[in-house]
C-alpha atoms as a PDB file:
ATOM      1  CA  UNK A   1    -160.763 -42.256 260.689  1.00  0.00           C
ATOM      2  CA  UNK A   2    -161.959 -38.750 260.736  1.00  0.00           C
ATOM      3  CA  UNK A   3    -160.797 -37.965 264.210  1.00  0.00           C
ATOM      4  CA  UNK A   4    -157.323 -39.531 263.649  1.00  0.00           C
ATOM      5  CA  UNK A   5    -157.537 -37.182 260.744  1.00  0.00           C
ATOM      6  CA  UNK A   6    -158.428 -33.997 262.732  1.00  0.00           C
ATOM      7  CA  UNK A   7    -155.968 -35.025 265.273  1.00  0.00           C
ATOM      8  CA  UNK A   8    -152.923 -35.593 262.943  1.00  0.00           C
ATOM      9  CA  UNK A   9    -153.974 -31.852 261.227  1.00  0.00           C
ATOM     10  CA  UNK A  10    -153.693 -30.097 264.637  1.00  0.00           C
ATOM     11  CA  UNK A  11    -150.424 -32.065 265.246  1.00  0.00           C
ATOM     12  CA  UNK A  12    -149.288 -30.423 261.972  1.00  0.00           C
ATOM     13  CA  UNK A  13    -150.106 -27.668 262.477  1.00  0.00           C
ATOM     14  CA  UNK A  14    -148.611 -27.354 266.231  1.00  0.00           C
ATOM     15  CA  UNK A  15    -145.345 -28.363 264.555  1.00  0.00           C
ATOM     16  CA  UNK A  16    -145.686 -25.922 261.865  1.00  0.00           C
ATOM     17  CA  UNK A  17    -145.753 -22.877 264.408  1.00  0.00           C
ATOM     18  CA  UNK A  18    -143.440 -24.173 266.833  1.00  0.00           C
ATOM     19  CA  UNK A  19    -141.092 -24.522 263.542  1.00  0.00           C
ATOM     20  CA  UNK A  20    -142.177 -20.730 262.555  1.00  0.00           C
ATOM     21  CA  UNK A  21    -141.543 -19.829 265.715  1.00  0.00           C
ATOM     22  CA  UNK A  22    -138.104 -21.559 266.058  1.00  0.00           C
ATOM     23  CA  UNK A  23    -136.847 -19.692 262.963  1.00  0.00           C
ATOM     24  CA  UNK A  24    -138.444 -16.092 263.085  1.00  0.00           C
ATOM     25  CA  UNK A  25    -139.348 -15.164 266.712  1.00  0.00           C
ATOM     26  CA  UNK A  26    -135.562 -14.112 267.171  1.00  0.00           C
ATOM     27  CA  UNK A  27    -136.139 -12.203 263.784  1.00  0.00           C
ATOM     28  CA  UNK A  28    -139.451 -10.464 265.073  1.00  0.00           C
ATOM     29  CA  UNK A  29    -137.383  -9.432 268.229  1.00  0.00           C
ATOM     30  CA  UNK A  30    -134.891  -8.302 266.574  1.00  0.00           C
ATOM     31  CA  UNK A  31    -137.133  -5.821 264.042  1.00  0.00           C
ATOM     32  CA  UNK A  32    -139.137  -5.046 267.303  1.00  0.00           C
ATOM     33  CA  UNK A  33    -135.997  -3.803 269.160  1.00  0.00           C
ATOM     34  CA  UNK A  34    -134.351  -1.664 266.107  1.00  0.00           C
ATOM     35  CA  UNK A  35    -137.177   0.730 267.137  1.00  0.00           C
ATOM     36  CA  UNK A  36    -135.915   0.800 270.610  1.00  0.00           C
ATOM     37  CA  UNK A  37    -135.137   4.558 272.433  1.00  0.00           C
ATOM     38  CA  UNK A  38    -132.943   3.063 274.943  1.00  0.00           C
ATOM     39  CA  UNK A  39    -128.760   2.304 273.973  1.00  0.00           C
ATOM     40  CA  UNK A  40    -129.374  -0.999 275.909  1.00  0.00           C
ATOM     41  CA  UNK A  41    -130.270  -3.356 273.961  1.00  0.00           C
ATOM     42  CA  UNK A  42    -132.275  -5.515 275.972  1.00  0.00           C
ATOM     43  CA  UNK A  43    -133.694  -2.761 278.035  1.00  0.00           C
ATOM     44  CA  UNK A  44    -136.830  -1.596 276.049  1.00  0.00           C
ATOM     45  CA  UNK A  45    -137.501   2.509 276.074  1.00  0.00           C
ATOM     46  CA  UNK A  46    -140.353   3.149 273.991  1.00  0.00           C
ATOM     47  CA  UNK A  47    -140.725   3.405 270.478  1.00  0.00           C
ATOM     48  CA  UNK A  48    -137.923   5.272 268.123  1.00  0.00           C
ATOM     49  CA  UNK A  49    -136.320   5.932 265.181  1.00  0.00           C
ATOM     50  CA  UNK A  50    -133.178   7.015 267.074  1.00  0.00           C
ATOM     51  CA  UNK A  51    -131.124   3.951 265.636  1.00  0.00           C
ATOM     52  CA  UNK A  52    -132.059   4.197 261.865  1.00  0.00           C
ATOM     53  CA  UNK A  53    -131.007   8.365 262.286  1.00  0.00           C
ATOM     54  CA  UNK A  54    -127.718   7.151 263.402  1.00  0.00           C
ATOM     55  CA  UNK A  55    -127.172   4.332 260.802  1.00  0.00           C
ATOM     56  CA  UNK A  56    -127.704   7.188 258.139  1.00  0.00           C
ATOM     57  CA  UNK A  57    -125.540   9.437 260.180  1.00  0.00           C
ATOM     58  CA  UNK A  58    -122.513   6.911 260.312  1.00  0.00           C
ATOM     59  CA  UNK A  59    -120.047   7.050 257.089  1.00  0.00           C
ATOM     60  CA  UNK A  60    -118.045   3.975 258.051  1.00  0.00           C
ATOM     61  CA  UNK A  61    -121.531   1.768 257.940  1.00  0.00           C
ATOM     62  CA  UNK A  62    -122.959   3.450 254.869  1.00  0.00           C
ATOM     63  CA  UNK A  63    -119.561   3.432 252.797  1.00  0.00           C
ATOM     64  CA  UNK A  64    -119.287  -0.474 254.166  1.00  0.00           C
ATOM     65  CA  UNK A  65    -123.438  -0.867 252.550  1.00  0.00           C
ATOM     66  CA  UNK A  66    -122.261   0.940 249.095  1.00  0.00           C
ATOM     67  CA  UNK A  67    -119.412  -1.546 248.759  1.00  0.00           C
ATOM     68  CA  UNK A  68    -121.870  -4.333 249.453  1.00  0.00           C
ATOM     69  CA  UNK A  69    -124.602  -3.338 247.153  1.00  0.00           C
ATOM     70  CA  UNK A  70    -122.032  -2.685 244.581  1.00  0.00           C
ATOM     71  CA  UNK A  71    -119.948  -6.448 244.759  1.00  0.00           C
ATOM     72  CA  UNK A  72    -123.342  -7.672 244.888  1.00  0.00           C
ATOM     73  CA  UNK A  73    -125.400  -6.015 241.724  1.00  0.00           C
ATOM     74  CA  UNK A  74    -121.335  -6.884 239.858  1.00  0.00           C
ATOM     75  CA  UNK A  75    -121.180 -10.137 241.064  1.00  0.00           C
ATOM     76  CA  UNK A  76    -124.626 -11.133 240.637  1.00  0.00           C
ATOM     77  CA  UNK A  77    -124.959  -9.953 236.921  1.00  0.00           C
ATOM     78  CA  UNK A  78    -121.561 -11.715 236.404  1.00  0.00           C
ATOM     79  CA  UNK A  79    -122.192 -14.828 237.776  1.00  0.00           C
ATOM     80  CA  UNK A  80    -126.093 -14.437 236.117  1.00  0.00           C
ATOM     81  CA  UNK A  81    -124.207 -14.329 232.445  1.00  0.00           C
ATOM     82  CA  UNK A  82    -122.077 -16.903 233.038  1.00  0.00           C
ATOM     83  CA  UNK A  83    -124.177 -19.359 234.377  1.00  0.00           C
ATOM     84  CA  UNK A  84    -126.807 -18.843 231.858  1.00  0.00           C
ATOM     85  CA  UNK A  85    -124.156 -19.677 229.474  1.00  0.00           C
ATOM     86  CA  UNK A  86    -122.933 -22.908 231.611  1.00  0.00           C
ATOM     87  CA  UNK A  87    -126.725 -23.816 231.590  1.00  0.00           C
ATOM     88  CA  UNK A  88    -127.144 -23.524 228.136  1.00  0.00           C
ATOM     89  CA  UNK A  89    -124.274 -25.746 227.397  1.00  0.00           C
ATOM     90  CA  UNK A  90    -125.313 -28.593 230.243  1.00  0.00           C
ATOM     91  CA  UNK A  91    -128.900 -28.661 229.208  1.00  0.00           C
ATOM     92  CA  UNK A  92    -128.590 -28.305 225.474  1.00  0.00           C
ATOM     93  CA  UNK A  93    -125.138 -29.661 224.378  1.00  0.00           C
ATOM     94  CA  UNK A  94    -124.589 -33.085 223.691  1.00  0.00           C
ATOM     95  CA  UNK A  95    -122.717 -35.968 225.602  1.00  0.00           C
ATOM     96  CA  UNK A  96    -119.269 -33.719 225.023  1.00  0.00           C
ATOM     97  CA  UNK A  97    -116.000 -34.936 226.079  1.00  0.00           C
ATOM     98  CA  UNK A  98    -115.659 -33.736 229.790  1.00  0.00           C
ATOM     99  CA  UNK A  99    -118.882 -33.334 230.454  1.00  0.00           C
ATOM    100  CA  UNK A 100    -118.791 -34.863 234.156  1.00  0.00           C
ATOM    101  CA  UNK A 101    -115.827 -33.016 235.271  1.00  0.00           C
ATOM    102  CA  UNK A 102    -117.498 -29.902 234.137  1.00  0.00           C
ATOM    103  CA  UNK A 103    -120.269 -30.783 235.734  1.00  0.00           C
ATOM    104  CA  UNK A 104    -118.478 -31.467 238.997  1.00  0.00           C
ATOM    105  CA  UNK A 105    -116.442 -28.954 238.819  1.00  0.00           C
ATOM    106  CA  UNK A 106    -119.206 -26.291 238.352  1.00  0.00           C
ATOM    107  CA  UNK A 107    -121.866 -27.579 241.017  1.00  0.00           C
ATOM    108  CA  UNK A 108    -118.550 -28.154 243.603  1.00  0.00           C
ATOM    109  CA  UNK A 109    -119.301 -24.766 245.172  1.00  0.00           C
ATOM    110  CA  UNK A 110    -122.912 -25.914 246.104  1.00  0.00           C
ATOM    111  CA  UNK A 111    -121.038 -28.261 248.655  1.00  0.00           C
ATOM    112  CA  UNK A 112    -117.651 -27.013 249.389  1.00  0.00           C
ATOM    113  CA  UNK A 113    -117.264 -25.176 252.944  1.00  0.00           C
ATOM    114  CA  UNK A 114    -116.970 -21.454 252.268  1.00  0.00           C
ATOM    115  CA  UNK A 115    -113.684 -21.621 254.405  1.00  0.00           C
ATOM    116  CA  UNK A 116    -111.819 -24.075 251.872  1.00  0.00           C
ATOM    117  CA  UNK A 117    -113.515 -21.715 249.143  1.00  0.00           C
ATOM    118  CA  UNK A 118    -111.887 -18.428 250.697  1.00  0.00           C
ATOM    119  CA  UNK A 119    -108.573 -19.968 251.480  1.00  0.00           C
ATOM    120  CA  UNK A 120    -108.639 -21.280 248.087  1.00  0.00           C
ATOM    121  CA  UNK A 121    -109.071 -17.912 246.481  1.00  0.00           C
ATOM    122  CA  UNK A 122    -106.793 -15.839 249.498  1.00  0.00           C
ATOM    123  CA  UNK A 123    -103.765 -17.869 247.686  1.00  0.00           C
ATOM    124  CA  UNK A 124    -104.786 -17.522 244.064  1.00  0.00           C
ATOM    125  CA  UNK A 125    -104.816 -13.926 244.258  1.00  0.00           C
ATOM    126  CA  UNK A 126    -101.780 -13.843 246.775  1.00  0.00           C
ATOM    127  CA  UNK A 127     -99.988 -16.052 243.614  1.00  0.00           C
ATOM    128  CA  UNK A 128    -101.265 -13.413 241.309  1.00  0.00           C
ATOM    129  CA  UNK A 129     -99.949 -10.591 243.321  1.00  0.00           C
ATOM    130  CA  UNK A 130    -103.857  -9.237 242.656  1.00  0.00           C
ATOM    131  CA  UNK A 131    -104.442  -6.398 244.902  1.00  0.00           C
ATOM    132  CA  UNK A 132    -107.456  -7.262 247.410  1.00  0.00           C
ATOM    133  CA  UNK A 133    -110.026  -5.305 247.165  1.00  0.00           C
ATOM    134  CA  UNK A 134    -113.701  -4.932 245.354  1.00  0.00           C
ATOM    135  CA  UNK A 135    -112.853  -6.557 242.055  1.00  0.00           C
ATOM    136  CA  UNK A 136    -111.066  -9.597 244.489  1.00  0.00           C
ATOM    137  CA  UNK A 137    -114.532  -9.933 246.204  1.00  0.00           C
ATOM    138  CA  UNK A 138    -116.369  -9.368 243.056  1.00  0.00           C
ATOM    139  CA  UNK A 139    -114.883 -12.413 241.651  1.00  0.00           C
ATOM    140  CA  UNK A 140    -114.797 -14.262 244.648  1.00  0.00           C
ATOM    141  CA  UNK A 141    -118.828 -14.154 244.705  1.00  0.00           C
ATOM    142  CA  UNK A 142    -119.113 -14.464 241.076  1.00  0.00           C
ATOM    143  CA  UNK A 143    -117.583 -18.279 242.083  1.00  0.00           C
ATOM    144  CA  UNK A 144    -119.817 -18.538 244.561  1.00  0.00           C
ATOM    145  CA  UNK A 145    -122.991 -17.690 243.131  1.00  0.00           C
ATOM    146  CA  UNK A 146    -122.485 -18.959 239.887  1.00  0.00           C
ATOM    147  CA  UNK A 147    -123.633 -22.258 240.270  1.00  0.00           C
ATOM    148  CA  UNK A 148    -126.587 -21.495 241.856  1.00  0.00           C
ATOM    149  CA  UNK A 149    -127.955 -19.721 238.501  1.00  0.00           C
ATOM    150  CA  UNK A 150    -126.826 -22.428 236.393  1.00  0.00           C
ATOM    151  CA  UNK A 151    -129.360 -24.842 238.545  1.00  0.00           C
ATOM    152  CA  UNK A 152    -131.594 -22.560 238.359  1.00  0.00           C
ATOM    153  CA  UNK A 153    -131.778 -21.666 234.485  1.00  0.00           C
ATOM    154  CA  UNK A 154    -130.734 -25.343 233.485  1.00  0.00           C
ATOM    155  CA  UNK A 155    -133.970 -26.450 235.430  1.00  0.00           C
ATOM    156  CA  UNK A 156    -136.132 -24.205 233.307  1.00  0.00           C
ATOM    157  CA  UNK A 157    -134.409 -25.426 229.864  1.00  0.00           C
ATOM    158  CA  UNK A 158    -134.807 -28.729 231.304  1.00  0.00           C
ATOM    159  CA  UNK A 159    -138.805 -28.322 231.545  1.00  0.00           C
ATOM    160  CA  UNK A 160    -139.031 -26.747 227.883  1.00  0.00           C
ATOM    161  CA  UNK A 161    -139.969 -28.240 224.752  1.00  0.00           C
ATOM    162  CA  UNK A 162    -137.097 -28.368 222.017  1.00  0.00           C
ATOM    163  CA  UNK A 163    -139.415 -28.986 219.210  1.00  0.00           C
ATOM    164  CA  UNK A 164    -140.277 -25.104 219.847  1.00  0.00           C
ATOM    165  CA  UNK A 165    -136.552 -24.182 218.332  1.00  0.00           C
ATOM    166  CA  UNK A 166    -137.059 -26.653 216.038  1.00  0.00           C
ATOM    167  CA  UNK A 167    -140.099 -25.191 214.413  1.00  0.00           C
ATOM    168  CA  UNK A 168    -138.438 -21.859 214.918  1.00  0.00           C
ATOM    169  CA  UNK A 169    -135.451 -23.104 212.602  1.00  0.00           C
ATOM    170  CA  UNK A 170    -137.846 -24.763 210.083  1.00  0.00           C
ATOM    171  CA  UNK A 171    -139.332 -21.414 209.548  1.00  0.00           C
ATOM    172  CA  UNK A 172    -136.289 -20.006 208.765  1.00  0.00           C
ATOM    173  CA  UNK A 173    -134.370 -18.853 211.923  1.00  0.00           C
ATOM    174  CA  UNK A 174    -130.771 -20.159 212.394  1.00  0.00           C
ATOM    175  CA  UNK A 175    -130.080 -21.705 216.131  1.00  0.00           C
ATOM    176  CA  UNK A 176    -128.884 -18.514 217.539  1.00  0.00           C
ATOM    177  CA  UNK A 177    -132.070 -16.738 216.160  1.00  0.00           C
ATOM    178  CA  UNK A 178    -134.307 -19.617 217.251  1.00  0.00           C
ATOM    179  CA  UNK A 179    -133.046 -19.386 220.825  1.00  0.00           C
ATOM    180  CA  UNK A 180    -132.979 -15.492 220.525  1.00  0.00           C
ATOM    181  CA  UNK A 181    -136.547 -15.585 219.824  1.00  0.00           C
ATOM    182  CA  UNK A 182    -137.915 -18.608 221.321  1.00  0.00           C
ATOM    183  CA  UNK A 183    -136.385 -19.759 224.291  1.00  0.00           C
ATOM    184  CA  UNK A 184    -135.065 -16.854 225.783  1.00  0.00           C
ATOM    185  CA  UNK A 185    -138.087 -15.444 226.179  1.00  0.00           C
ATOM    186  CA  UNK A 186    -139.219 -18.322 228.097  1.00  0.00           C
ATOM    187  CA  UNK A 187    -136.529 -18.579 230.537  1.00  0.00           C
ATOM    188  CA  UNK A 188    -136.164 -14.927 231.853  1.00  0.00           C
ATOM    189  CA  UNK A 189    -138.102 -15.233 234.941  1.00  0.00           C
ATOM    190  CA  UNK A 190    -135.378 -17.770 235.344  1.00  0.00           C
ATOM    191  CA  UNK A 191    -132.572 -15.604 234.664  1.00  0.00           C
ATOM    192  CA  UNK A 192    -134.035 -13.019 236.623  1.00  0.00           C
ATOM    193  CA  UNK A 193    -134.912 -15.456 239.481  1.00  0.00           C
ATOM    194  CA  UNK A 194    -131.299 -16.298 239.655  1.00  0.00           C
ATOM    195  CA  UNK A 195    -129.684 -12.589 239.351  1.00  0.00           C
ATOM    196  CA  UNK A 196    -131.980 -12.257 242.801  1.00  0.00           C
ATOM    197  CA  UNK A 197    -130.446 -15.260 244.261  1.00  0.00           C
ATOM    198  CA  UNK A 198    -127.296 -14.479 243.474  1.00  0.00           C
ATOM    199  CA  UNK A 199    -127.670 -10.820 244.350  1.00  0.00           C
ATOM    200  CA  UNK A 200    -128.891 -12.008 248.206  1.00  0.00           C
ATOM    201  CA  UNK A 201    -126.263 -14.633 248.370  1.00  0.00           C
ATOM    202  CA  UNK A 202    -123.355 -11.903 248.139  1.00  0.00           C
ATOM    203  CA  UNK A 203    -124.957  -9.549 250.148  1.00  0.00           C
ATOM    204  CA  UNK A 204    -125.161 -12.247 253.159  1.00  0.00           C
ATOM    205  CA  UNK A 205    -121.556 -13.256 252.779  1.00  0.00           C
ATOM    206  CA  UNK A 206    -119.280 -12.818 255.238  1.00  0.00           C
ATOM    207  CA  UNK A 207    -116.717 -15.796 255.439  1.00  0.00           C
ATOM    208  CA  UNK A 208    -115.370 -15.440 251.857  1.00  0.00           C
ATOM    209  CA  UNK A 209    -115.305 -12.270 251.698  1.00  0.00           C
ATOM    210  CA  UNK A 210    -113.049 -11.754 254.716  1.00  0.00           C
ATOM    211  CA  UNK A 211    -110.581 -13.928 252.949  1.00  0.00           C
ATOM    212  CA  UNK A 212    -110.850 -11.844 249.620  1.00  0.00           C
ATOM    213  CA  UNK A 213    -111.428  -8.128 250.427  1.00  0.00           C
ATOM    214  CA  UNK A 214    -108.634  -5.442 251.272  1.00  0.00           C
ATOM    215  CA  UNK A 215    -108.177  -2.443 253.533  1.00  0.00           C
ATOM    216  CA  UNK A 216    -111.089   0.580 252.752  1.00  0.00           C
ATOM    217  CA  UNK A 217    -113.307  -2.408 250.704  1.00  0.00           C
ATOM    218  CA  UNK A 218    -115.086  -4.195 253.934  1.00  0.00           C
ATOM    219  CA  UNK A 219    -118.361  -5.430 252.975  1.00  0.00           C
ATOM    220  CA  UNK A 220    -121.342  -4.563 255.407  1.00  0.00           C
ATOM    221  CA  UNK A 221    -121.238  -8.185 256.439  1.00  0.00           C
ATOM    222  CA  UNK A 222    -117.741  -7.738 257.535  1.00  0.00           C
ATOM    223  CA  UNK A 223    -118.527  -4.284 259.033  1.00  0.00           C
ATOM    224  CA  UNK A 224    -121.539  -5.645 261.128  1.00  0.00           C
ATOM    225  CA  UNK A 225    -119.028  -8.861 262.592  1.00  0.00           C
ATOM    226  CA  UNK A 226    -116.211  -6.704 263.761  1.00  0.00           C
ATOM    227  CA  UNK A 227    -118.922  -4.317 265.563  1.00  0.00           C
ATOM    228  CA  UNK A 228    -120.924  -7.167 267.115  1.00  0.00           C
ATOM    229  CA  UNK A 229    -117.722  -8.561 268.901  1.00  0.00           C
ATOM    230  CA  UNK A 230    -117.583  -5.097 270.799  1.00  0.00           C
ATOM    231  CA  UNK A 231    -120.891  -5.431 271.646  1.00  0.00           C
ATOM    232  CA  UNK A 232    -124.474  -5.526 269.772  1.00  0.00           C
ATOM    233  CA  UNK A 233    -125.301  -1.843 269.637  1.00  0.00           C
ATOM    234  CA  UNK A 234    -129.369  -0.655 268.681  1.00  0.00           C
ATOM    235  CA  UNK A 235    -127.966   0.715 265.407  1.00  0.00           C
ATOM    236  CA  UNK A 236    -126.988  -3.225 264.365  1.00  0.00           C
ATOM    237  CA  UNK A 237    -130.645  -3.710 264.936  1.00  0.00           C
ATOM    238  CA  UNK A 238    -131.652  -1.195 262.395  1.00  0.00           C
ATOM    239  CA  UNK A 239    -128.974  -2.264 260.218  1.00  0.00           C
ATOM    240  CA  UNK A 240    -130.215  -5.647 259.732  1.00  0.00           C
ATOM    241  CA  UNK A 241    -133.471  -4.880 259.648  1.00  0.00           C
ATOM    242  CA  UNK A 242    -132.978  -2.859 256.491  1.00  0.00           C
ATOM    243  CA  UNK A 243    -131.242  -5.862 255.070  1.00  0.00           C
ATOM    244  CA  UNK A 244    -133.953  -8.425 255.728  1.00  0.00           C
ATOM    245  CA  UNK A 245    -136.686  -6.199 254.600  1.00  0.00           C
ATOM    246  CA  UNK A 246    -134.475  -5.667 251.264  1.00  0.00           C
ATOM    247  CA  UNK A 247    -133.858  -9.653 251.057  1.00  0.00           C
ATOM    248  CA  UNK A 248    -137.639 -10.089 251.590  1.00  0.00           C
ATOM    249  CA  UNK A 249    -138.282  -8.035 248.744  1.00  0.00           C
ATOM    250  CA  UNK A 250    -135.791  -9.851 246.717  1.00  0.00           C
ATOM    251  CA  UNK A 251    -137.053 -13.163 247.787  1.00  0.00           C
ATOM    252  CA  UNK A 252    -140.666 -12.175 247.077  1.00  0.00           C
ATOM    253  CA  UNK A 253    -139.727 -10.902 243.502  1.00  0.00           C
ATOM    254  CA  UNK A 254    -138.289 -14.040 243.274  1.00  0.00           C
ATOM    255  CA  UNK A 255    -141.007 -16.019 243.706  1.00  0.00           C
ATOM    256  CA  UNK A 256    -142.754 -14.460 241.729  1.00  0.00           C
ATOM    257  CA  UNK A 257    -140.705 -14.727 238.542  1.00  0.00           C
ATOM    258  CA  UNK A 258    -140.477 -18.224 239.202  1.00  0.00           C
ATOM    259  CA  UNK A 259    -144.351 -18.794 239.087  1.00  0.00           C
ATOM    260  CA  UNK A 260    -144.524 -17.045 235.696  1.00  0.00           C
ATOM    261  CA  UNK A 261    -141.375 -19.060 234.644  1.00  0.00           C
ATOM    262  CA  UNK A 262    -143.940 -22.618 235.402  1.00  0.00           C
ATOM    263  CA  UNK A 263    -146.935 -20.824 234.126  1.00  0.00           C
ATOM    264  CA  UNK A 264    -145.218 -19.933 230.853  1.00  0.00           C
ATOM    265  CA  UNK A 265    -143.459 -23.494 230.678  1.00  0.00           C
ATOM    266  CA  UNK A 266    -146.655 -25.190 230.956  1.00  0.00           C
ATOM    267  CA  UNK A 267    -148.403 -22.632 228.471  1.00  0.00           C
ATOM    268  CA  UNK A 268    -146.132 -23.490 226.093  1.00  0.00           C
ATOM    269  CA  UNK A 269    -145.664 -27.280 226.461  1.00  0.00           C
ATOM    270  CA  UNK A 270    -147.544 -29.498 224.099  1.00  0.00           C
ATOM    271  CA  UNK A 271    -150.851 -30.611 224.361  1.00  0.00           C
END
């Protein structure tokens, strides 16, 4: 039996190593070649920061990066606000009329192909005669990411004990004050995690942004895609490495926030 367990363990470790290599080896190669001194992306010419310097001297790329950061920050903030309110309504509200329809419409972007979402938003903005630019992309990304925030916050609210709010109201708090003083501090890590997830998804999107952007408001993914169609430049490797580093930092922070939220929920749970 022990030999069987050891064999299974070795098999699992081998499968895990192959899976991780399949997922992350291309990223590792991209990061290494971002420090390549050669102009040819497939020829190693030594270590250099040349292409990072090229990126910071490329005005068009910097403007696209700044546009992406602004869109991601604003859309993530709006999505977090609306998604948190929706999560509170679903978790704390009773079986109100239209709850199933509301939930279906809220979670539909999770399964809806991005091409269909982008096209429908484009038709909406055309019908409203709205000038496509920063705000149309921001609204589109808010629509895309709000459902993810709702899922994160709603799951956190579902794990909390409502008797904590009831105890606060028994001590003289009204429902709003009880929520602000008791529940909100407990779900703040989940809200932060939802914001970071929305920020990352917005920063990464290219399909919906391509439908809703306008002249002079191209995001960084769209700019990278247009450059890659003409051939991969070493500067693209440097830009992608910086984006990977930013997203990795956000994922680590979101992970710590989720763990903090779980630990707070366990400490607040009744014995």
